[in-house]
All heavy atoms as atom14 arrays in JSON, in Angstrom:
{
  "sequence": "IAEARDKGDLSENAEYDAAKEWQGKLEGEIAKLKAVISGAKIID",
  "atom14_mask": [
    [1, 1, 1, 1, 1, 1, 1, 1, 0, 0, 0, 0, 0, 0],
    [1, 1, 1, 1, 1, 0, 0, 0, 0, 0, 0, 0, 0, 0],
    [1, 1, 1, 1, 1, 1, 1, 1, 1, 0, 0, 0, 0, 0],
    [1, 1, 1, 1, 1, 0, 0, 0, 0, 0, 0, 0, 0, 0],
    [1, 1, 1, 1, 1, 1, 1, 1, 1, 1, 1, 0, 0, 0],
    [1, 1, 1, 1, 1, 1, 1, 1, 0, 0, 0, 0, 0, 0],
    [1, 1, 1, 1, 1, 1, 1, 1, 1, 0, 0, 0, 0, 0],
    [1, 1, 1, 1, 0, 0, 0, 0, 0, 0, 0, 0, 0, 0],
    [1, 1, 1, 1, 1, 1, 1, 1, 0, 0, 0, 0, 0, 0],
    [1, 1, 1, 1, 1, 1, 1, 1, 0, 0, 0, 0, 0, 0],
    [1, 1, 1, 1, 1, 1, 0, 0, 0, 0, 0, 0, 0, 0],
    [1, 1, 1, 1, 1, 1, 1, 1, 1, 0, 0, 0, 0, 0],
    [1, 1, 1, 1, 1, 1, 1, 1, 0, 0, 0, 0, 0, 0],
    [1, 1, 1, 1, 1, 0, 0, 0, 0, 0, 0, 0, 0, 0],
    [1, 1, 1, 1, 1, 1, 1, 1, 1, 0, 0, 0, 0, 0],
    [1, 1, 1, 1, 1, 1, 1, 1, 1, 1, 1, 1, 0, 0],
    [1, 1, 1, 1, 1, 1, 1, 1, 0, 0, 0, 0, 0, 0],
    [1, 1, 1, 1, 1, 0, 0, 0, 0, 0, 0, 0, 0, 0],
    [1, 1, 1, 1, 1, 0, 0, 0, 0, 0, 0, 0, 0, 0],
    [1, 1, 1, 1, 1, 1, 1, 1, 1, 0, 0, 0, 0, 0],
    [1, 1, 1, 1, 1, 1, 1, 1, 1, 0, 0, 0, 0, 0],
    [1, 1, 1, 1, 1, 1, 1, 1, 1, 1, 1, 1, 1, 1],
    [1, 1, 1, 1, 1, 1, 1, 1, 1, 0, 0, 0, 0, 0],
    [1, 1, 1, 1, 0, 0, 0, 0, 0, 0, 0, 0, 0, 0],
    [1, 1, 1, 1, 1, 1, 1, 1, 1, 0, 0, 0, 0, 0],
    [1, 1, 1, 1, 1, 1, 1, 1, 0, 0, 0, 0, 0, 0],
    [1, 1, 1, 1, 1, 1, 1, 1, 1, 0, 0, 0, 0, 0],
    [1, 1, 1, 1, 0, 0, 0, 0, 0, 0, 0, 0, 0, 0],
    [1, 1, 1, 1, 1, 1, 1, 1, 1, 0, 0, 0, 0, 0],
    [1, 1, 1, 1, 1, 1, 1, 1, 0, 0, 0, 0, 0, 0],
    [1, 1, 1, 1, 1, 0, 0, 0, 0, 0, 0, 0, 0, 0],
    [1, 1, 1, 1, 1, 1, 1, 1, 1, 0, 0, 0, 0, 0],
    [1, 1, 1, 1, 1, 1, 1, 1, 0, 0, 0, 0, 0, 0],
    [1, 1, 1, 1, 1, 1, 1, 1, 1, 0, 0, 0, 0, 0],
    [1, 1, 1, 1, 1, 0, 0, 0, 0, 0, 0, 0, 0, 0],
    [1, 1, 1, 1, 1, 1, 1, 0, 0, 0, 0, 0, 0, 0],
    [1, 1, 1, 1, 1, 1, 1, 1, 0, 0, 0, 0, 0, 0],
    [1, 1, 1, 1, 1, 1, 0, 0, 0, 0, 0, 0, 0, 0],
    [1, 1, 1, 1, 0, 0, 0, 0, 0, 0, 0, 0, 0, 0],
    [1, 1, 1, 1, 1, 0, 0, 0, 0, 0, 0, 0, 0, 0],
    [1, 1, 1, 1, 1, 1, 1, 1, 1, 0, 0, 0, 0, 0],
    [1, 1, 1, 1, 1, 1, 1, 1, 0, 0, 0, 0, 0, 0],
    [1, 1, 1, 1, 1, 1, 1, 1, 0, 0, 0, 0, 0, 0],
    [1, 1, 1, 1, 1, 1, 1, 1, 0, 0, 0, 0, 0, 0]
  ],
  "atom14_positions": [
    [[-59.23, 10.1, 8.45], [-59.62, 8.85, 7.9], [-58.43, 8.23, 7.29], [-58.22, 6.93, 7.58], [-60.65, 9.17, 6.84], [-62.0, 9.55, 7.49], [-60.95, 7.85, 5.93], [-63.03, 10.08, 6.48], [0.0, 0.0, 0.0], [0.0, 0.0, 0.0], [0.0, 0.0, 0.0], [0.0, 0.0, 0.0], [0.0, 0.0, 0.0], [0.0, 0.0, 0.0]],
    [[-57.56, 8.83, 6.65], [-56.34, 8.24, 6.06], [-55.41, 7.7, 7.13], [-54.92, 6.56, 6.99], [-55.61, 9.33, 5.2], [0.0, 0.0, 0.0], [0.0, 0.0, 0.0], [0.0, 0.0, 0.0], [0.0, 0.0, 0.0], [0.0, 0.0, 0.0], [0.0, 0.0, 0.0], [0.0, 0.0, 0.0], [0.0, 0.0, 0.0], [0.0, 0.0, 0.0]],
    [[-55.28, 8.44, 8.24], [-54.43, 8.05, 9.3], [-54.98, 6.71, 9.99], [-54.17, 5.81, 10.17], [-54.26, 9.03, 10.37], [-53.37, 8.79, 11.52], [-53.26, 9.83, 12.53], [-53.25, 10.96, 12.13], [-53.19, 9.43, 13.7], [0.0, 0.0, 0.0], [0.0, 0.0, 0.0], [0.0, 0.0, 0.0], [0.0, 0.0, 0.0], [0.0, 0.0, 0.0]],
    [[-56.3, 6.74, 10.19], [-56.92, 5.52, 10.76], [-56.85, 4.31, 9.79], [-56.73, 3.19, 10.23], [-58.34, 5.87, 11.18], [0.0, 0.0, 0.0], [0.0, 0.0, 0.0], [0.0, 0.0, 0.0], [0.0, 0.0, 0.0], [0.0, 0.0, 0.0], [0.0, 0.0, 0.0], [0.0, 0.0, 0.0], [0.0, 0.0, 0.0], [0.0, 0.0, 0.0]],
    [[-57.04, 4.57, 8.6], [-56.92, 3.5, 7.54], [-55.52, 2.85, 7.53], [-55.41, 1.64, 7.39], [-57.24, 4.06, 6.13], [-57.4, 2.99, 5.06], [-57.7, 3.53, 3.7], [-58.96, 4.28, 3.69], [-59.07, 5.55, 3.22], [-57.99, 6.2, 2.72], [-60.2, 6.15, 3.3], [0.0, 0.0, 0.0], [0.0, 0.0, 0.0], [0.0, 0.0, 0.0]],
    [[-54.51, 3.62, 7.7], [-53.2, 3.14, 7.65], [-52.88, 2.29, 8.97], [-51.88, 1.53, 8.93], [-52.11, 4.25, 7.79], [-52.1, 5.06, 6.39], [-52.65, 4.49, 5.46], [-51.62, 6.19, 6.4], [0.0, 0.0, 0.0], [0.0, 0.0, 0.0], [0.0, 0.0, 0.0], [0.0, 0.0, 0.0], [0.0, 0.0, 0.0], [0.0, 0.0, 0.0]],
    [[-53.76, 2.2, 9.88], [-53.54, 1.49, 11.14], [-53.98, 0.0, 11.01], [-53.98, -0.77, 11.94], [-54.23, 2.14, 12.32], [-53.49, 3.45, 12.65], [-54.02, 4.07, 13.89], [-53.18, 5.35, 14.2], [-53.73, 6.02, 15.37], [0.0, 0.0, 0.0], [0.0, 0.0, 0.0], [0.0, 0.0, 0.0], [0.0, 0.0, 0.0], [0.0, 0.0, 0.0]],
    [[-54.5, -0.37, 9.82], [-54.77, -1.81, 9.61], [-56.25, -2.07, 9.43], [-56.99, -1.33, 8.79], [0.0, 0.0, 0.0], [0.0, 0.0, 0.0], [0.0, 0.0, 0.0], [0.0, 0.0, 0.0], [0.0, 0.0, 0.0], [0.0, 0.0, 0.0], [0.0, 0.0, 0.0], [0.0, 0.0, 0.0], [0.0, 0.0, 0.0], [0.0, 0.0, 0.0]],
    [[-56.74, -3.31, 9.92], [-57.99, -3.88, 9.71], [-59.11, -2.77, 10.0], [-59.28, -2.39, 11.21], [-58.15, -5.04, 10.63], [-59.44, -5.81, 10.37], [-60.15, -5.44, 9.43], [-59.78, -6.73, 11.16], [0.0, 0.0, 0.0], [0.0, 0.0, 0.0], [0.0, 0.0, 0.0], [0.0, 0.0, 0.0], [0.0, 0.0, 0.0], [0.0, 0.0, 0.0]],
    [[-59.89, -2.45, 8.98], [-60.99, -1.41, 9.1], [-62.15, -1.96, 9.82], [-62.93, -1.26, 10.43], [-61.38, -0.86, 7.74], [-60.24, -0.17, 6.96], [-60.82, 0.36, 5.65], [-59.62, 0.96, 7.81], [0.0, 0.0, 0.0], [0.0, 0.0, 0.0], [0.0, 0.0, 0.0], [0.0, 0.0, 0.0], [0.0, 0.0, 0.0], [0.0, 0.0, 0.0]],
    [[-62.36, -3.31, 9.87], [-63.57, -3.84, 10.45], [-63.56, -3.74, 12.03], [-64.52, -3.77, 12.61], [-63.76, -5.35, 10.09], [-62.7, -6.07, 10.59], [0.0, 0.0, 0.0], [0.0, 0.0, 0.0], [0.0, 0.0, 0.0], [0.0, 0.0, 0.0], [0.0, 0.0, 0.0], [0.0, 0.0, 0.0], [0.0, 0.0, 0.0], [0.0, 0.0, 0.0]],
    [[-62.34, -3.55, 12.57], [-62.34, -3.47, 14.04], [-61.63, -2.17, 14.41], [-60.97, -2.16, 15.42], [-61.57, -4.72, 14.64], [-62.3, -5.91, 14.42], [-61.58, -7.17, 15.05], [-60.63, -6.98, 15.79], [-61.89, -8.33, 14.69], [0.0, 0.0, 0.0], [0.0, 0.0, 0.0], [0.0, 0.0, 0.0], [0.0, 0.0, 0.0], [0.0, 0.0, 0.0]],
    [[-61.64, -1.19, 13.54], [-60.94, 0.04, 13.78], [-61.94, 1.22, 14.22], [-62.53, 1.85, 13.46], [-60.23, 0.47, 12.52], [-59.26, 1.55, 12.75], [-59.44, 2.39, 13.69], [-58.17, 1.61, 11.88], [0.0, 0.0, 0.0], [0.0, 0.0, 0.0], [0.0, 0.0, 0.0], [0.0, 0.0, 0.0], [0.0, 0.0, 0.0], [0.0, 0.0, 0.0]],
    [[-62.05, 1.43, 15.6], [-62.98, 2.41, 16.07], [-62.5, 3.76, 15.62], [-63.4, 4.74, 15.43], [-63.04, 2.26, 17.55], [0.0, 0.0, 0.0], [0.0, 0.0, 0.0], [0.0, 0.0, 0.0], [0.0, 0.0, 0.0], [0.0, 0.0, 0.0], [0.0, 0.0, 0.0], [0.0, 0.0, 0.0], [0.0, 0.0, 0.0], [0.0, 0.0, 0.0]],
    [[-61.25, 4.09, 15.53], [-60.81, 5.29, 15.16], [-61.22, 5.66, 13.71], [-61.65, 6.74, 13.45], [-59.18, 5.27, 15.14], [-58.55, 6.52, 15.38], [-57.06, 6.52, 15.57], [-56.58, 5.57, 16.36], [-56.35, 7.27, 14.9], [0.0, 0.0, 0.0], [0.0, 0.0, 0.0], [0.0, 0.0, 0.0], [0.0, 0.0, 0.0], [0.0, 0.0, 0.0]],
    [[-61.23, 4.68, 12.83], [-61.65, 4.78, 11.47], [-63.18, 5.12, 11.47], [-63.6, 6.08, 10.7], [-61.32, 3.54, 10.62], [-61.9, 3.61, 9.18], [-61.11, 4.36, 8.27], [-63.03, 3.01, 8.81], [-61.57, 4.36, 6.95], [-63.52, 3.02, 7.57], [-62.76, 3.72, 6.56], [-63.22, 3.84, 5.31], [0.0, 0.0, 0.0], [0.0, 0.0, 0.0]],
    [[-63.96, 4.37, 12.17], [-65.42, 4.62, 12.31], [-65.7, 6.05, 12.8], [-66.65, 6.68, 12.3], [-66.01, 3.54, 13.15], [-65.99, 2.2, 12.62], [-65.77, 2.06, 11.37], [-66.15, 1.2, 13.39], [0.0, 0.0, 0.0], [0.0, 0.0, 0.0], [0.0, 0.0, 0.0], [0.0, 0.0, 0.0], [0.0, 0.0, 0.0], [0.0, 0.0, 0.0]],
    [[-64.98, 6.48, 13.82], [-65.2, 7.8, 14.36], [-64.84, 8.92, 13.38], [-65.59, 9.83, 13.19], [-64.38, 7.94, 15.6], [0.0, 0.0, 0.0], [0.0, 0.0, 0.0], [0.0, 0.0, 0.0], [0.0, 0.0, 0.0], [0.0, 0.0, 0.0], [0.0, 0.0, 0.0], [0.0, 0.0, 0.0], [0.0, 0.0, 0.0], [0.0, 0.0, 0.0]],
    [[-63.7, 8.68, 12.68], [-63.39, 9.67, 11.59], [-64.37, 9.68, 10.55], [-64.71, 10.81, 9.95], [-61.95, 9.35, 11.08], [0.0, 0.0, 0.0], [0.0, 0.0, 0.0], [0.0, 0.0, 0.0], [0.0, 0.0, 0.0], [0.0, 0.0, 0.0], [0.0, 0.0, 0.0], [0.0, 0.0, 0.0], [0.0, 0.0, 0.0], [0.0, 0.0, 0.0]],
    [[-64.89, 8.56, 10.06], [-65.94, 8.57, 9.05], [-67.22, 9.23, 9.49], [-67.83, 9.96, 8.72], [-66.18, 7.09, 8.58], [-65.13, 6.44, 7.82], [-64.92, 7.03, 6.35], [-65.99, 6.7, 5.48], [-65.77, 7.28, 4.09], [0.0, 0.0, 0.0], [0.0, 0.0, 0.0], [0.0, 0.0, 0.0], [0.0, 0.0, 0.0], [0.0, 0.0, 0.0]],
    [[-67.51, 8.99, 10.74], [-68.83, 9.53, 11.28], [-68.59, 11.09, 11.34], [-69.49, 11.89, 11.06], [-69.05, 9.0, 12.74], [-70.31, 9.55, 13.34], [-70.63, 8.93, 14.66], [-70.18, 7.83, 14.91], [-71.24, 9.68, 15.5], [0.0, 0.0, 0.0], [0.0, 0.0, 0.0], [0.0, 0.0, 0.0], [0.0, 0.0, 0.0], [0.0, 0.0, 0.0]],
    [[-67.43, 11.62, 11.8], [-67.2, 13.01, 11.93], [-67.22, 13.59, 10.44], [-67.89, 14.71, 10.28], [-65.76, 13.23, 12.45], [-65.37, 14.71, 12.44], [-66.08, 15.77, 12.75], [-64.03, 15.21, 12.19], [-65.35, 16.87, 12.71], [-64.06, 16.62, 12.36], [-62.81, 14.64, 11.78], [-62.98, 17.43, 12.21], [-61.69, 15.38, 11.67], [-61.8, 16.86, 11.78]],
    [[-66.69, 12.89, 9.5], [-66.72, 13.42, 8.13], [-68.11, 13.5, 7.64], [-68.53, 14.47, 7.05], [-65.88, 12.51, 7.17], [-65.87, 13.09, 5.76], [-65.2, 12.09, 4.74], [-65.4, 10.86, 4.84], [-64.33, 12.64, 4.0], [0.0, 0.0, 0.0], [0.0, 0.0, 0.0], [0.0, 0.0, 0.0], [0.0, 0.0, 0.0], [0.0, 0.0, 0.0]],
    [[-69.0, 12.53, 7.85], [-70.43, 12.5, 7.5], [-71.16, 13.77, 8.08], [-71.98, 14.42, 7.45], [0.0, 0.0, 0.0], [0.0, 0.0, 0.0], [0.0, 0.0, 0.0], [0.0, 0.0, 0.0], [0.0, 0.0, 0.0], [0.0, 0.0, 0.0], [0.0, 0.0, 0.0], [0.0, 0.0, 0.0], [0.0, 0.0, 0.0], [0.0, 0.0, 0.0]],
    [[-70.86, 13.97, 9.48], [-71.62, 15.06, 10.07], [-71.1, 16.42, 9.54], [-71.96, 17.32, 9.29], [-71.31, 14.98, 11.57], [-72.05, 13.97, 12.33], [-71.8, 14.07, 13.82], [-72.51, 13.02, 14.58], [-72.24, 12.97, 16.01], [0.0, 0.0, 0.0], [0.0, 0.0, 0.0], [0.0, 0.0, 0.0], [0.0, 0.0, 0.0], [0.0, 0.0, 0.0]],
    [[-69.85, 16.47, 9.23], [-69.28, 17.72, 8.69], [-69.84, 17.97, 7.31], [-70.24, 19.15, 6.96], [-67.78, 17.54, 8.53], [-66.98, 18.78, 8.01], [-67.14, 20.01, 8.84], [-65.52, 18.44, 7.77], [0.0, 0.0, 0.0], [0.0, 0.0, 0.0], [0.0, 0.0, 0.0], [0.0, 0.0, 0.0], [0.0, 0.0, 0.0], [0.0, 0.0, 0.0]],
    [[-69.93, 17.05, 6.44], [-70.5, 17.17, 5.16], [-71.98, 17.55, 5.19], [-72.44, 18.38, 4.42], [-70.36, 15.92, 4.26], [-68.93, 15.7, 3.88], [-68.17, 16.72, 3.14], [-68.86, 17.39, 2.33], [-67.0, 16.95, 3.34], [0.0, 0.0, 0.0], [0.0, 0.0, 0.0], [0.0, 0.0, 0.0], [0.0, 0.0, 0.0], [0.0, 0.0, 0.0]],
    [[-72.73, 16.95, 6.2], [-74.1, 17.39, 6.39], [-74.24, 18.82, 6.86], [-75.11, 19.6, 6.37], [0.0, 0.0, 0.0], [0.0, 0.0, 0.0], [0.0, 0.0, 0.0], [0.0, 0.0, 0.0], [0.0, 0.0, 0.0], [0.0, 0.0, 0.0], [0.0, 0.0, 0.0], [0.0, 0.0, 0.0], [0.0, 0.0, 0.0], [0.0, 0.0, 0.0]],
    [[-73.42, 19.27, 7.71], [-73.37, 20.67, 8.19], [-73.03, 21.64, 7.0], [-73.64, 22.69, 6.93], [-72.36, 20.92, 9.32], [-72.89, 20.29, 10.63], [-71.87, 20.43, 11.74], [-71.19, 21.45, 11.71], [-71.76, 19.54, 12.58], [0.0, 0.0, 0.0], [0.0, 0.0, 0.0], [0.0, 0.0, 0.0], [0.0, 0.0, 0.0], [0.0, 0.0, 0.0]],
    [[-72.05, 21.29, 6.2], [-71.62, 22.08, 5.01], [-72.81, 22.28, 4.06], [-73.17, 23.31, 3.64], [-70.39, 21.46, 4.32], [-69.17, 21.71, 5.23], [-70.25, 22.06, 2.93], [-67.96, 20.97, 4.75], [0.0, 0.0, 0.0], [0.0, 0.0, 0.0], [0.0, 0.0, 0.0], [0.0, 0.0, 0.0], [0.0, 0.0, 0.0], [0.0, 0.0, 0.0]],
    [[-73.52, 21.16, 3.75], [-74.61, 21.18, 2.84], [-75.81, 22.04, 3.41], [-76.33, 22.89, 2.67], [-75.2, 19.72, 2.6], [0.0, 0.0, 0.0], [0.0, 0.0, 0.0], [0.0, 0.0, 0.0], [0.0, 0.0, 0.0], [0.0, 0.0, 0.0], [0.0, 0.0, 0.0], [0.0, 0.0, 0.0], [0.0, 0.0, 0.0], [0.0, 0.0, 0.0]],
    [[-76.04, 21.95, 4.78], [-76.97, 22.75, 5.38], [-76.71, 24.29, 5.32], [-77.53, 25.16, 4.95], [-77.21, 22.33, 6.88], [-78.36, 22.92, 7.58], [-78.45, 22.25, 9.0], [-79.33, 22.97, 9.87], [-79.36, 22.4, 11.27], [0.0, 0.0, 0.0], [0.0, 0.0, 0.0], [0.0, 0.0, 0.0], [0.0, 0.0, 0.0], [0.0, 0.0, 0.0]],
    [[-75.42, 24.57, 5.6], [-74.95, 25.96, 5.63], [-75.02, 26.47, 4.19], [-75.45, 27.69, 3.99], [-73.54, 26.02, 6.08], [-73.02, 27.27, 6.81], [-73.99, 27.77, 7.82], [-71.7, 26.98, 7.47], [0.0, 0.0, 0.0], [0.0, 0.0, 0.0], [0.0, 0.0, 0.0], [0.0, 0.0, 0.0], [0.0, 0.0, 0.0], [0.0, 0.0, 0.0]],
    [[-74.72, 25.71, 3.15], [-74.74, 26.22, 1.72], [-76.25, 26.54, 1.45], [-76.46, 27.49, 0.64], [-74.15, 25.13, 0.77], [-72.73, 25.13, 0.74], [-72.2, 24.1, -0.3], [-70.7, 24.22, -0.47], [-70.16, 23.23, -1.43], [0.0, 0.0, 0.0], [0.0, 0.0, 0.0], [0.0, 0.0, 0.0], [0.0, 0.0, 0.0], [0.0, 0.0, 0.0]],
    [[-77.07, 25.66, 1.9], [-78.61, 25.97, 1.53], [-79.02, 27.2, 2.2], [-79.74, 28.03, 1.56], [-79.34, 24.72, 2.06], [0.0, 0.0, 0.0], [0.0, 0.0, 0.0], [0.0, 0.0, 0.0], [0.0, 0.0, 0.0], [0.0, 0.0, 0.0], [0.0, 0.0, 0.0], [0.0, 0.0, 0.0], [0.0, 0.0, 0.0], [0.0, 0.0, 0.0]],
    [[-78.66, 27.5, 3.4], [-78.98, 28.73, 4.12], [-78.45, 29.84, 3.4], [-79.19, 30.83, 3.23], [-78.54, 28.68, 5.6], [-78.73, 30.07, 6.3], [-79.37, 27.6, 6.42], [0.0, 0.0, 0.0], [0.0, 0.0, 0.0], [0.0, 0.0, 0.0], [0.0, 0.0, 0.0], [0.0, 0.0, 0.0], [0.0, 0.0, 0.0], [0.0, 0.0, 0.0]],
    [[-77.17, 29.92, 3.07], [-76.5, 30.94, 2.39], [-77.1, 31.24, 1.04], [-77.36, 32.38, 0.62], [-74.96, 30.66, 2.24], [-74.31, 30.8, 3.66], [-74.35, 31.66, 1.28], [-72.94, 30.32, 3.74], [0.0, 0.0, 0.0], [0.0, 0.0, 0.0], [0.0, 0.0, 0.0], [0.0, 0.0, 0.0], [0.0, 0.0, 0.0], [0.0, 0.0, 0.0]],
    [[-77.46, 30.13, 0.24], [-78.07, 30.41, -1.03], [-79.4, 30.95, -0.97], [-79.84, 31.61, -1.92], [-78.06, 29.05, -1.73], [-78.99, 28.15, -1.33], [0.0, 0.0, 0.0], [0.0, 0.0, 0.0], [0.0, 0.0, 0.0], [0.0, 0.0, 0.0], [0.0, 0.0, 0.0], [0.0, 0.0, 0.0], [0.0, 0.0, 0.0], [0.0, 0.0, 0.0]],
    [[-80.05, 30.74, 0.11], [-81.49, 31.28, 0.3], [-81.52, 32.49, 1.12], [-82.65, 33.0, 1.44], [0.0, 0.0, 0.0], [0.0, 0.0, 0.0], [0.0, 0.0, 0.0], [0.0, 0.0, 0.0], [0.0, 0.0, 0.0], [0.0, 0.0, 0.0], [0.0, 0.0, 0.0], [0.0, 0.0, 0.0], [0.0, 0.0, 0.0], [0.0, 0.0, 0.0]],
    [[-80.33, 33.03, 1.49], [-80.31, 34.28, 2.35], [-80.78, 35.5, 1.69], [-80.59, 35.76, 0.49], [-78.88, 34.5, 2.89], [0.0, 0.0, 0.0], [0.0, 0.0, 0.0], [0.0, 0.0, 0.0], [0.0, 0.0, 0.0], [0.0, 0.0, 0.0], [0.0, 0.0, 0.0], [0.0, 0.0, 0.0], [0.0, 0.0, 0.0], [0.0, 0.0, 0.0]],
    [[-81.51, 36.28, 2.43], [-82.01, 37.57, 1.89], [-81.45, 38.63, 2.96], [-81.73, 38.58, 4.13], [-83.54, 37.66, 1.88], [-84.11, 38.99, 1.63], [-84.85, 38.93, 0.27], [-85.53, 40.28, 0.05], [-84.83, 41.23, -0.72], [0.0, 0.0, 0.0], [0.0, 0.0, 0.0], [0.0, 0.0, 0.0], [0.0, 0.0, 0.0], [0.0, 0.0, 0.0]],
    [[-80.57, 39.51, 2.45], [-79.99, 40.52, 3.28], [-80.93, 41.63, 3.45], [-81.5, 42.16, 2.53], [-78.61, 41.04, 2.66], [-77.71, 39.92, 2.25], [-77.94, 42.05, 3.66], [-76.99, 39.25, 3.27], [0.0, 0.0, 0.0], [0.0, 0.0, 0.0], [0.0, 0.0, 0.0], [0.0, 0.0, 0.0], [0.0, 0.0, 0.0], [0.0, 0.0, 0.0]],
    [[-81.06, 42.08, 4.72], [-82.01, 43.14, 5.07], [-81.21, 44.34, 5.33], [-80.23, 44.41, 6.1], [-82.86, 42.77, 6.25], [-83.72, 41.58, 5.99], [-83.7, 43.98, 6.67], [-84.5, 41.04, 7.13], [0.0, 0.0, 0.0], [0.0, 0.0, 0.0], [0.0, 0.0, 0.0], [0.0, 0.0, 0.0], [0.0, 0.0, 0.0], [0.0, 0.0, 0.0]],
    [[-81.62, 45.52, 4.81], [-81.03, 46.83, 5.07], [-81.86, 47.55, 6.14], [-82.96, 47.91, 5.75], [-80.99, 47.63, 3.71], [-80.34, 49.03, 3.91], [-79.94, 49.34, 5.08], [-80.29, 49.73, 2.95], [0.0, 0.0, 0.0], [0.0, 0.0, 0.0], [0.0, 0.0, 0.0], [0.0, 0.0, 0.0], [0.0, 0.0, 0.0], [0.0, 0.0, 0.0]]
  ]
}
């Protein structure tokens, strides 16, 4: 995101949009994984 932001006008910067989208998906996956881990029950 920082690299894409340094390239100039954000309104027409596809690289910036793609990086923001990737970050959003990543944060969603992290939150989902944290929820699974916090509710995990280990079976012996």
